[in-house]
Amino acid sequence: MSNEPEKKGPSHQVSFSRITGRDEEGRDVLGPARQIGAIWPRSTGKDGDGILRLDHIPEELRSQGGGVVFIRKIDAVRNSRPHDKTRNRDRDRER
């Protein structure tokens, strides 16, 4: 056994969806969500404390009304329906 602290993964996933248009009722229509970062728990162990790390900052995030940021607990992400990573990779490559 080692005296090194146990490494833990992120607690939340951060995703972004672009606003692609408006529907007939004037509501925003969102494109597919893309993971742009994660929230890592602080070493203090306090609930609710975390460090936001963004791996990608979409251009639309800089402009007002360009999209929506979603934050989901990792447990919720792991328990959600699995998705086809190949399809997502191909979609991201087209952008």
PDB file of N, CA and C in Angstrom:
ATOM      1  N   MET A   1       0.839  -1.185   0.000  1.00  0.00           N
ATOM      2  CA  MET A   1       0.000   0.000   0.000  1.00  0.00           C
ATOM      3  C   MET A   1       0.877   1.239   0.000  1.00  0.00           C
ATOM      4  N   SER A   2       0.412   2.216  -0.678  1.00  0.00           N
ATOM      5  CA  SER A   2       1.179   3.447  -0.780  1.00  0.00           C
ATOM      6  C   SER A   2       0.507   4.533   0.060  1.00  0.00           C
ATOM      7  N   ASN A   3       1.282   5.537   0.430  1.00  0.00           N
ATOM      8  CA  ASN A   3       0.741   6.651   1.207  1.00  0.00           C
ATOM      9  C   ASN A   3       0.196   7.759   0.326  1.00  0.00           C
ATOM     10  N   GLU A   4       0.196   7.545  -1.002  1.00  0.00           N
ATOM     11  CA  GLU A   4      -0.324   8.560  -1.912  1.00  0.00           C
ATOM     12  C   GLU A   4      -1.840   8.634  -1.779  1.00  0.00           C
ATOM     13  N   PRO A   5      -2.404   9.851  -1.865  1.00  0.00           N
ATOM     14  CA  PRO A   5      -3.858   9.968  -1.789  1.00  0.00           C
ATOM     15  C   PRO A   5      -4.506   9.316  -3.012  1.00  0.00           C
ATOM     16  N   GLU A   6      -5.691   8.783  -2.802  1.00  0.00           N
ATOM     17  CA  GLU A   6      -6.424   8.149  -3.896  1.00  0.00           C
ATOM     18  C   GLU A   6      -6.842   9.213  -4.903  1.00  0.00           C
ATOM     19  N   LYS A   7      -6.545   8.962  -6.183  1.00  0.00           N
ATOM     20  CA  LYS A   7      -6.931   9.918  -7.222  1.00  0.00           C
ATOM     21  C   LYS A   7      -8.382   9.683  -7.584  1.00  0.00           C
ATOM     22  N   LYS A   8      -9.131  10.753  -7.637  1.00  0.00           N
ATOM     23  CA  LYS A   8     -10.542  10.680  -7.988  1.00  0.00           C
ATOM     24  C   LYS A   8     -10.759  11.439  -9.283  1.00  0.00           C
ATOM     25  N   GLY A   9     -11.778  11.039  -9.988  1.00  0.00           N
ATOM     26  CA  GLY A   9     -12.114  11.698 -11.245  1.00  0.00           C
ATOM     27  C   GLY A   9     -13.005  12.902 -11.010  1.00  0.00           C
ATOM     28  N   PRO A  10     -13.437  13.531 -12.092  1.00  0.00           N
ATOM     29  CA  PRO A  10     -14.306  14.694 -11.988  1.00  0.00           C
ATOM     30  C   PRO A  10     -15.678  14.319 -11.416  1.00  0.00           C
ATOM     31  N   SER A  11     -16.323  15.288 -10.797  1.00  0.00           N
ATOM     32  CA  SER A  11     -17.652  15.053 -10.217  1.00  0.00           C
ATOM     33  C   SER A  11     -18.774  15.417 -11.181  1.00  0.00           C
ATOM     34  N   HIS A  12     -18.499  16.329 -12.117  1.00  0.00           N
ATOM     35  CA  HIS A  12     -19.513  16.798 -13.054  1.00  0.00           C
ATOM     36  C   HIS A  12     -18.930  16.921 -14.462  1.00  0.00           C
ATOM     37  N   GLN A  13     -19.788  16.752 -15.431  1.00  0.00           N
ATOM     38  CA  GLN A  13     -19.442  16.953 -16.831  1.00  0.00           C
ATOM     39  C   GLN A  13     -20.029  18.289 -17.277  1.00  0.00           C
ATOM     40  N   VAL A  14     -19.277  19.068 -18.045  1.00  0.00           N
ATOM     41  CA  VAL A  14     -19.745  20.352 -18.557  1.00  0.00           C
ATOM     42  C   VAL A  14     -19.887  20.223 -20.071  1.00  0.00           C
ATOM     43  N   SER A  15     -21.091  20.488 -20.578  1.00  0.00           N
ATOM     44  CA  SER A  15     -21.378  20.392 -22.008  1.00  0.00           C
ATOM     45  C   SER A  15     -21.940  21.708 -22.517  1.00  0.00           C
ATOM     46  N   PHE A  16     -21.880  21.891 -23.830  1.00  0.00           N
ATOM     47  CA  PHE A  16     -22.377  23.112 -24.462  1.00  0.00           C
ATOM     48  C   PHE A  16     -23.174  22.735 -25.698  1.00  0.00           C
ATOM     49  N   SER A  17     -24.331  23.400 -25.873  1.00  0.00           N
ATOM     50  CA  SER A  17     -25.148  23.227 -27.076  1.00  0.00           C
ATOM     51  C   SER A  17     -25.322  24.576 -27.755  1.00  0.00           C
ATOM     52  N   ARG A  18     -25.053  24.595 -29.045  1.00  0.00           N
ATOM     53  CA  ARG A  18     -25.258  25.819 -29.824  1.00  0.00           C
ATOM     54  C   ARG A  18     -26.734  26.046 -30.063  1.00  0.00           C
ATOM     55  N   ILE A  19     -27.137  27.303 -30.144  1.00  0.00           N
ATOM     56  CA  ILE A  19     -28.490  27.631 -30.565  1.00  0.00           C
ATOM     57  C   ILE A  19     -28.470  27.629 -32.085  1.00  0.00           C
ATOM     58  N   THR A  20     -29.257  26.733 -32.679  1.00  0.00           N
ATOM     59  CA  THR A  20     -29.242  26.577 -34.136  1.00  0.00           C
ATOM     60  C   THR A  20     -30.387  27.291 -34.825  1.00  0.00           C
ATOM     61  N   GLY A  21     -31.341  27.800 -34.068  1.00  0.00           N
ATOM     62  CA  GLY A  21     -32.473  28.504 -34.666  1.00  0.00           C
ATOM     63  C   GLY A  21     -33.584  28.678 -33.654  1.00  0.00           C
ATOM     64  N   ARG A  22     -34.753  28.991 -34.167  1.00  0.00           N
ATOM     65  CA  ARG A  22     -35.940  29.156 -33.325  1.00  0.00           C
ATOM     66  C   ARG A  22     -37.082  28.361 -33.929  1.00  0.00           C
ATOM     67  N   ASP A  23     -37.945  27.830 -33.044  1.00  0.00           N
ATOM     68  CA  ASP A  23     -39.108  27.098 -33.533  1.00  0.00           C
ATOM     69  C   ASP A  23     -40.256  28.072 -33.815  1.00  0.00           C
ATOM     70  N   GLU A  24     -41.407  27.528 -34.187  1.00  0.00           N
ATOM     71  CA  GLU A  24     -42.566  28.357 -34.550  1.00  0.00           C
ATOM     72  C   GLU A  24     -43.059  29.226 -33.397  1.00  0.00           C
ATOM     73  N   GLU A  25     -42.791  28.795 -32.165  1.00  0.00           N
ATOM     74  CA  GLU A  25     -43.248  29.537 -30.988  1.00  0.00           C
ATOM     75  C   GLU A  25     -42.186  30.479 -30.452  1.00  0.00           C
ATOM     76  N   GLY A  26     -41.051  30.601 -31.152  1.00  0.00           N
ATOM     77  CA  GLY A  26     -40.009  31.536 -30.746  1.00  0.00           C
ATOM     78  C   GLY A  26     -39.016  31.001 -29.735  1.00  0.00           C
ATOM     79  N   ARG A  27     -39.100  29.699 -29.428  1.00  0.00           N
ATOM     80  CA  ARG A  27     -38.152  29.095 -28.477  1.00  0.00           C
ATOM     81  C   ARG A  27     -36.873  28.697 -29.201  1.00  0.00           C
ATOM     82  N   ASP A  28     -35.758  28.738 -28.469  1.00  0.00           N
ATOM     83  CA  ASP A  28     -34.474  28.352 -29.039  1.00  0.00           C
ATOM     84  C   ASP A  28     -34.460  26.867 -29.385  1.00  0.00           C
ATOM     85  N   VAL A  29     -33.857  26.550 -30.512  1.00  0.00           N
ATOM     86  CA  VAL A  29     -33.613  25.161 -30.904  1.00  0.00           C
ATOM     87  C   VAL A  29     -32.128  24.926 -30.705  1.00  0.00           C
ATOM     88  N   LEU A  30     -31.802  23.875 -29.938  1.00  0.00           N
ATOM     89  CA  LEU A  30     -30.409  23.586 -29.604  1.00  0.00           C
ATOM     90  C   LEU A  30     -29.857  22.468 -30.465  1.00  0.00           C
ATOM     91  N   GLY A  31     -28.581  22.589 -30.809  1.00  0.00           N
ATOM     92  CA  GLY A  31     -27.871  21.520 -31.496  1.00  0.00           C
ATOM     93  C   GLY A  31     -27.434  20.476 -30.490  1.00  0.00           C
ATOM     94  N   PRO A  32     -26.723  19.463 -30.943  1.00  0.00           N
ATOM     95  CA  PRO A  32     -26.276  18.415 -30.024  1.00  0.00           C
ATOM     96  C   PRO A  32     -25.289  18.964 -28.992  1.00  0.00           C
ATOM     97  N   ALA A  33     -25.363  18.429 -27.784  1.00  0.00           N
ATOM     98  CA  ALA A  33     -24.449  18.857 -26.716  1.00  0.00           C
ATOM     99  C   ALA A  33     -23.081  18.242 -26.944  1.00  0.00           C
ATOM    100  N   ARG A  34     -22.056  19.031 -26.682  1.00  0.00           N
ATOM    101  CA  ARG A  34     -20.672  18.576 -26.820  1.00  0.00           C
ATOM    102  C   ARG A  34     -19.954  18.835 -25.507  1.00  0.00           C
ATOM    103  N   GLN A  35     -19.245  17.823 -24.990  1.00  0.00           N
ATOM    104  CA  GLN A  35     -18.526  18.004 -23.731  1.00  0.00           C
ATOM    105  C   GLN A  35     -17.379  18.979 -23.944  1.00  0.00           C
ATOM    106  N   ILE A  36     -17.309  19.997 -23.063  1.00  0.00           N
ATOM    107  CA  ILE A  36     -16.255  21.010 -23.180  1.00  0.00           C
ATOM    108  C   ILE A  36     -15.363  21.061 -21.953  1.00  0.00           C
ATOM    109  N   GLY A  37     -15.700  20.314 -20.903  1.00  0.00           N
ATOM    110  CA  GLY A  37     -14.872  20.340 -19.701  1.00  0.00           C
ATOM    111  C   GLY A  37     -15.473  19.510 -18.591  1.00  0.00           C
ATOM    112  N   ALA A  38     -14.952  19.738 -17.383  1.00  0.00           N
ATOM    113  CA  ALA A  38     -15.397  18.977 -16.220  1.00  0.00           C
ATOM    114  C   ALA A  38     -15.198  19.804 -14.961  1.00  0.00           C
ATOM    115  N   ILE A  39     -15.873  19.405 -13.903  1.00  0.00           N
ATOM    116  CA  ILE A  39     -15.688  20.004 -12.580  1.00  0.00           C
ATOM    117  C   ILE A  39     -15.072  18.942 -11.690  1.00  0.00           C
ATOM    118  N   TRP A  40     -13.938  19.292 -11.100  1.00  0.00           N
ATOM    119  CA  TRP A  40     -13.194  18.385 -10.231  1.00  0.00           C
ATOM    120  C   TRP A  40     -13.410  18.786  -8.781  1.00  0.00           C
ATOM    121  N   PRO A  41     -13.680  17.808  -7.891  1.00  0.00           N
ATOM    122  CA  PRO A  41     -13.872  18.142  -6.474  1.00  0.00           C
ATOM    123  C   PRO A  41     -12.592  18.689  -5.847  1.00  0.00           C
ATOM    124  N   ARG A  42     -12.750  19.617  -4.929  1.00  0.00           N
ATOM    125  CA  ARG A  42     -11.599  20.185  -4.224  1.00  0.00           C
ATOM    126  C   ARG A  42     -11.067  19.165  -3.226  1.00  0.00           C
ATOM    127  N   SER A  43      -9.814  19.287  -2.896  1.00  0.00           N
ATOM    128  CA  SER A  43      -9.192  18.347  -1.965  1.00  0.00           C
ATOM    129  C   SER A  43      -9.704  18.520  -0.538  1.00  0.00           C
ATOM    130  N   THR A  44     -10.379  19.648  -0.262  1.00  0.00           N
ATOM    131  CA  THR A  44     -10.931  19.870   1.072  1.00  0.00           C
ATOM    132  C   THR A  44     -12.088  18.932   1.360  1.00  0.00           C
ATOM    133  N   GLY A  45     -12.693  18.396   0.311  1.00  0.00           N
ATOM    134  CA  GLY A  45     -13.778  17.439   0.497  1.00  0.00           C
ATOM    135  C   GLY A  45     -15.124  18.069   0.803  1.00  0.00           C
ATOM    136  N   LYS A  46     -15.212  19.401   0.795  1.00  0.00           N
ATOM    137  CA  LYS A  46     -16.498  20.045   1.052  1.00  0.00           C
ATOM    138  C   LYS A  46     -17.452  19.786  -0.103  1.00  0.00           C
ATOM    139  N   ASP A  47     -18.702  19.443   0.236  1.00  0.00           N
ATOM    140  CA  ASP A  47     -19.714  19.269  -0.809  1.00  0.00           C
ATOM    141  C   ASP A  47     -19.971  20.608  -1.476  1.00  0.00           C
ATOM    142  N   GLY A  48     -20.067  20.569  -2.780  1.00  0.00           N
ATOM    143  CA  GLY A  48     -20.355  21.789  -3.524  1.00  0.00           C
ATOM    144  C   GLY A  48     -19.124  22.546  -3.982  1.00  0.00           C
ATOM    145  N   ASP A  49     -17.965  22.264  -3.398  1.00  0.00           N
ATOM    146  CA  ASP A  49     -16.739  22.927  -3.846  1.00  0.00           C
ATOM    147  C   ASP A  49     -16.170  22.171  -5.035  1.00  0.00           C
ATOM    148  N   GLY A  50     -15.746  22.919  -6.042  1.00  0.00           N
ATOM    149  CA  GLY A  50     -15.162  22.267  -7.196  1.00  0.00           C
ATOM    150  C   GLY A  50     -14.344  23.237  -8.024  1.00  0.00           C
ATOM    151  N   ILE A  51     -13.535  22.678  -8.893  1.00  0.00           N
ATOM    152  CA  ILE A  51     -12.704  23.462  -9.794  1.00  0.00           C
ATOM    153  C   ILE A  51     -13.177  23.164 -11.216  1.00  0.00           C
ATOM    154  N   LEU A  52     -13.557  24.224 -11.931  1.00  0.00           N
ATOM    155  CA  LEU A  52     -14.021  24.095 -13.305  1.00  0.00           C
ATOM    156  C   LEU A  52     -12.816  24.114 -14.240  1.00  0.00           C
ATOM    157  N   ARG A  53     -12.720  23.089 -15.079  1.00  0.00           N
ATOM    158  CA  ARG A  53     -11.656  23.044 -16.080  1.00  0.00           C
ATOM    159  C   ARG A  53     -12.311  22.899 -17.443  1.00  0.00           C
ATOM    160  N   LEU A  54     -12.083  23.894 -18.303  1.00  0.00           N
ATOM    161  CA  LEU A  54     -12.624  23.851 -19.655  1.00  0.00           C
ATOM    162  C   LEU A  54     -11.527  23.415 -20.613  1.00  0.00           C
ATOM    163  N   ASP A  55     -11.811  22.381 -21.389  1.00  0.00           N
ATOM    164  CA  ASP A  55     -10.872  21.889 -22.384  1.00  0.00           C
ATOM    165  C   ASP A  55     -11.092  22.563 -23.733  1.00  0.00           C
ATOM    166  N   HIS A  56     -12.282  23.099 -23.918  1.00  0.00           N
ATOM    167  CA  HIS A  56     -12.655  23.734 -25.181  1.00  0.00           C
ATOM    168  C   HIS A  56     -13.613  24.878 -24.865  1.00  0.00           C
ATOM    169  N   ILE A  57     -13.405  26.024 -25.482  1.00  0.00           N
ATOM    170  CA  ILE A  57     -14.322  27.154 -25.296  1.00  0.00           C
ATOM    171  C   ILE A  57     -14.924  27.478 -26.654  1.00  0.00           C
ATOM    172  N   PRO A  58     -16.199  27.113 -26.867  1.00  0.00           N
ATOM    173  CA  PRO A  58     -16.834  27.394 -28.154  1.00  0.00           C
ATOM    174  C   PRO A  58     -16.941  28.897 -28.399  1.00  0.00           C
ATOM    175  N   GLU A  59     -16.792  29.294 -29.640  1.00  0.00           N
ATOM    176  CA  GLU A  59     -16.897  30.715 -30.010  1.00  0.00           C
ATOM    177  C   GLU A  59     -18.259  31.283 -29.603  1.00  0.00           C
ATOM    178  N   GLU A  60     -19.306  30.472 -29.733  1.00  0.00           N
ATOM    179  CA  GLU A  60     -20.662  30.929 -29.389  1.00  0.00           C
ATOM    180  C   GLU A  60     -20.824  31.212 -27.897  1.00  0.00           C
ATOM    181  N   LEU A  61     -19.978  30.625 -27.072  1.00  0.00           N
ATOM    182  CA  LEU A  61     -20.041  30.859 -25.630  1.00  0.00           C
ATOM    183  C   LEU A  61     -19.647  32.302 -25.298  1.00  0.00           C
ATOM    184  N   ARG A  62     -18.822  32.881 -26.149  1.00  0.00           N
ATOM    185  CA  ARG A  62     -18.360  34.258 -25.929  1.00  0.00           C
ATOM    186  C   ARG A  62     -19.423  35.293 -26.285  1.00  0.00           C
ATOM    187  N   SER A  63     -20.347  34.948 -27.144  1.00  0.00           N
ATOM    188  CA  SER A  63     -21.377  35.905 -27.543  1.00  0.00           C
ATOM    189  C   SER A  63     -22.656  35.650 -26.758  1.00  0.00           C
ATOM    190  N   GLN A  64     -23.346  36.713 -26.434  1.00  0.00           N
ATOM    191  CA  GLN A  64     -24.579  36.595 -25.662  1.00  0.00           C
ATOM    192  C   GLN A  64     -25.625  35.872 -26.504  1.00  0.00           C
ATOM    193  N   GLY A  65     -26.237  34.869 -25.921  1.00  0.00           N
ATOM    194  CA  GLY A  65     -27.291  34.141 -26.614  1.00  0.00           C
ATOM    195  C   GLY A  65     -26.786  33.130 -27.626  1.00  0.00           C
ATOM    196  N   GLY A  66     -25.514  32.752 -27.550  1.00  0.00           N
ATOM    197  CA  GLY A  66     -24.952  31.845 -28.538  1.00  0.00           C
ATOM    198  C   GLY A  66     -25.182  30.380 -28.243  1.00  0.00           C
ATOM    199  N   GLY A  67     -25.546  30.043 -27.016  1.00  0.00           N
ATOM    200  CA  GLY A  67     -25.746  28.643 -26.676  1.00  0.00           C
ATOM    201  C   GLY A  67     -26.056  28.468 -25.201  1.00  0.00           C
ATOM    202  N   VAL A  68     -26.094  27.211 -24.804  1.00  0.00           N
ATOM    203  CA  VAL A  68     -26.470  26.862 -23.435  1.00  0.00           C
ATOM    204  C   VAL A  68     -25.410  25.928 -22.850  1.00  0.00           C
ATOM    205  N   VAL A  69     -25.017  26.174 -21.586  1.00  0.00           N
ATOM    206  CA  VAL A  69     -24.071  25.315 -20.876  1.00  0.00           C
ATOM    207  C   VAL A  69     -24.871  24.390 -19.960  1.00  0.00           C
ATOM    208  N   PHE A  70     -24.536  23.103 -19.989  1.00  0.00           N
ATOM    209  CA  PHE A  70     -25.179  22.109 -19.141  1.00  0.00           C
ATOM    210  C   PHE A  70     -24.144  21.530 -18.196  1.00  0.00           C
ATOM    211  N   ILE A  71     -24.538  21.294 -16.939  1.00  0.00           N
ATOM    212  CA  ILE A  71     -23.671  20.652 -15.958  1.00  0.00           C
ATOM    213  C   ILE A  71     -24.426  19.445 -15.418  1.00  0.00           C
ATOM    214  N   ARG A  72     -23.803  18.254 -15.553  1.00  0.00           N
ATOM    215  CA  ARG A  72     -24.442  17.017 -15.103  1.00  0.00           C
ATOM    216  C   ARG A  72     -23.496  16.262 -14.188  1.00  0.00           C
ATOM    217  N   LYS A  73     -24.037  15.675 -13.126  1.00  0.00           N
ATOM    218  CA  LYS A  73     -23.231  14.830 -12.256  1.00  0.00           C
ATOM    219  C   LYS A  73     -22.727  13.639 -13.055  1.00  0.00           C
ATOM    220  N   ILE A  74     -21.518  13.233 -12.789  1.00  0.00           N
ATOM    221  CA  ILE A  74     -20.918  12.115 -13.518  1.00  0.00           C
ATOM    222  C   ILE A  74     -21.732  10.845 -13.334  1.00  0.00           C
ATOM    223  N   ASP A  75     -22.284  10.591 -12.136  1.00  0.00           N
ATOM    224  CA  ASP A  75     -23.111   9.399 -11.924  1.00  0.00           C
ATOM    225  C   ASP A  75     -24.285   9.394 -12.886  1.00  0.00           C
ATOM    226  N   ALA A  76     -24.896  10.564 -13.098  1.00  0.00           N
ATOM    227  CA  ALA A  76     -26.020  10.663 -14.022  1.00  0.00           C
ATOM    228  C   ALA A  76     -25.561  10.383 -15.444  1.00  0.00           C
ATOM    229  N   VAL A  77     -24.358  10.810 -15.798  1.00  0.00           N
ATOM    230  CA  VAL A  77     -23.822  10.569 -17.135  1.00  0.00           C
ATOM    231  C   VAL A  77     -23.548   9.091 -17.331  1.00  0.00           C
ATOM    232  N   ARG A  78     -22.944   8.445 -16.341  1.00  0.00           N
ATOM    233  CA  ARG A  78     -22.624   7.015 -16.451  1.00  0.00           C
ATOM    234  C   ARG A  78     -23.879   6.157 -16.541  1.00  0.00           C
ATOM    235  N   ASN A  79     -24.956   6.581 -15.888  1.00  0.00           N
ATOM    236  CA  ASN A  79     -26.179   5.795 -15.882  1.00  0.00           C
ATOM    237  C   ASN A  79     -27.090   6.117 -17.052  1.00  0.00           C
ATOM    238  N   SER A  80     -26.756   7.125 -17.855  1.00  0.00           N
ATOM    239  CA  SER A  80     -27.593   7.474 -18.992  1.00  0.00           C
ATOM    240  C   SER A  80     -27.352   6.504 -20.140  1.00  0.00           C
ATOM    241  N   ARG A  81     -28.164   6.596 -21.157  1.00  0.00           N
ATOM    242  CA  ARG A  81     -28.062   5.703 -22.304  1.00  0.00           C
ATOM    243  C   ARG A  81     -26.691   5.830 -22.964  1.00  0.00           C
ATOM    244  N   PRO A  82     -26.014   4.732 -23.239  1.00  0.00           N
ATOM    245  CA  PRO A  82     -24.712   4.823 -23.913  1.00  0.00           C
ATOM    246  C   PRO A  82     -24.901   5.370 -25.321  1.00  0.00           C
ATOM    247  N   HIS A  83     -23.926   6.111 -25.798  1.00  0.00           N
ATOM    248  CA  HIS A  83     -24.042   6.676 -27.136  1.00  0.00           C
ATOM    249  C   HIS A  83     -22.899   6.173 -28.010  1.00  0.00           C
ATOM    250  N   ASP A  84     -23.086   6.306 -29.285  1.00  0.00           N
ATOM    251  CA  ASP A  84     -22.127   5.819 -30.269  1.00  0.00           C
ATOM    252  C   ASP A  84     -20.991   6.823 -30.400  1.00  0.00           C
ATOM    253  N   LYS A  85     -19.828   6.501 -29.820  1.00  0.00           N
ATOM    254  CA  LYS A  85     -18.694   7.425 -29.844  1.00  0.00           C
ATOM    255  C   LYS A  85     -18.181   7.645 -31.252  1.00  0.00           C
ATOM    256  N   THR A  86     -18.262   6.629 -32.106  1.00  0.00           N
ATOM    257  CA  THR A  86     -17.789   6.776 -33.481  1.00  0.00           C
ATOM    258  C   THR A  86     -18.627   7.815 -34.209  1.00  0.00           C
ATOM    259  N   ARG A  87     -19.952   7.749 -34.060  1.00  0.00           N
ATOM    260  CA  ARG A  87     -20.828   8.715 -34.710  1.00  0.00           C
ATOM    261  C   ARG A  87     -20.524  10.115 -34.222  1.00  0.00           C
ATOM    262  N   ASN A  88     -20.346  10.302 -32.902  1.00  0.00           N
ATOM    263  CA  ASN A  88     -20.045  11.621 -32.358  1.00  0.00           C
ATOM    264  C   ASN A  88     -18.702  12.129 -32.856  1.00  0.00           C
ATOM    265  N   ARG A  89     -17.705  11.258 -32.940  1.00  0.00           N
ATOM    266  CA  ARG A  89     -16.383  11.656 -33.417  1.00  0.00           C
ATOM    267  C   ARG A  89     -16.477  12.135 -34.866  1.00  0.00           C
ATOM    268  N   ASP A  90     -17.255  11.404 -35.705  1.00  0.00           N
ATOM    269  CA  ASP A  90     -17.425  11.812 -37.096  1.00  0.00           C
ATOM    270  C   ASP A  90     -18.148  13.146 -37.188  1.00  0.00           C
ATOM    271  N   ARG A  91     -19.167  13.340 -36.343  1.00  0.00           N
ATOM    272  CA  ARG A  91     -19.909  14.607 -36.347  1.00  0.00           C
ATOM    273  C   ARG A  91     -19.004  15.770 -35.947  1.00  0.00           C
ATOM    274  N   ASP A  92     -18.183  15.575 -34.922  1.00  0.00           N
ATOM    275  CA  ASP A  92     -17.292  16.632 -34.463  1.00  0.00           C
ATOM    276  C   ASP A  92     -16.235  16.968 -35.512  1.00  0.00           C
ATOM    277  N   ARG A  93     -15.799  15.964 -36.260  1.00  0.00           N
ATOM    278  CA  ARG A  93     -14.790  16.182 -37.295  1.00  0.00           C
ATOM    279  C   ARG A  93     -15.358  17.062 -38.410  1.00  0.00           C
ATOM    280  N   GLU A  94     -16.671  16.967 -38.677  1.00  0.00           N
ATOM    281  CA  GLU A  94     -17.297  17.742 -39.750  1.00  0.00           C
ATOM    282  C   GLU A  94     -17.380  19.220 -39.414  1.00  0.00           C
ATOM    283  N   ARG A  95     -17.288  19.573 -38.142  1.00  0.00           N
ATOM    284  CA  ARG A  95     -17.448  20.977 -37.736  1.00  0.00           C
ATOM    285  C   ARG A  95     -16.266  21.797 -38.092  1.00  0.00           C
TER     286      ARG A  95
END
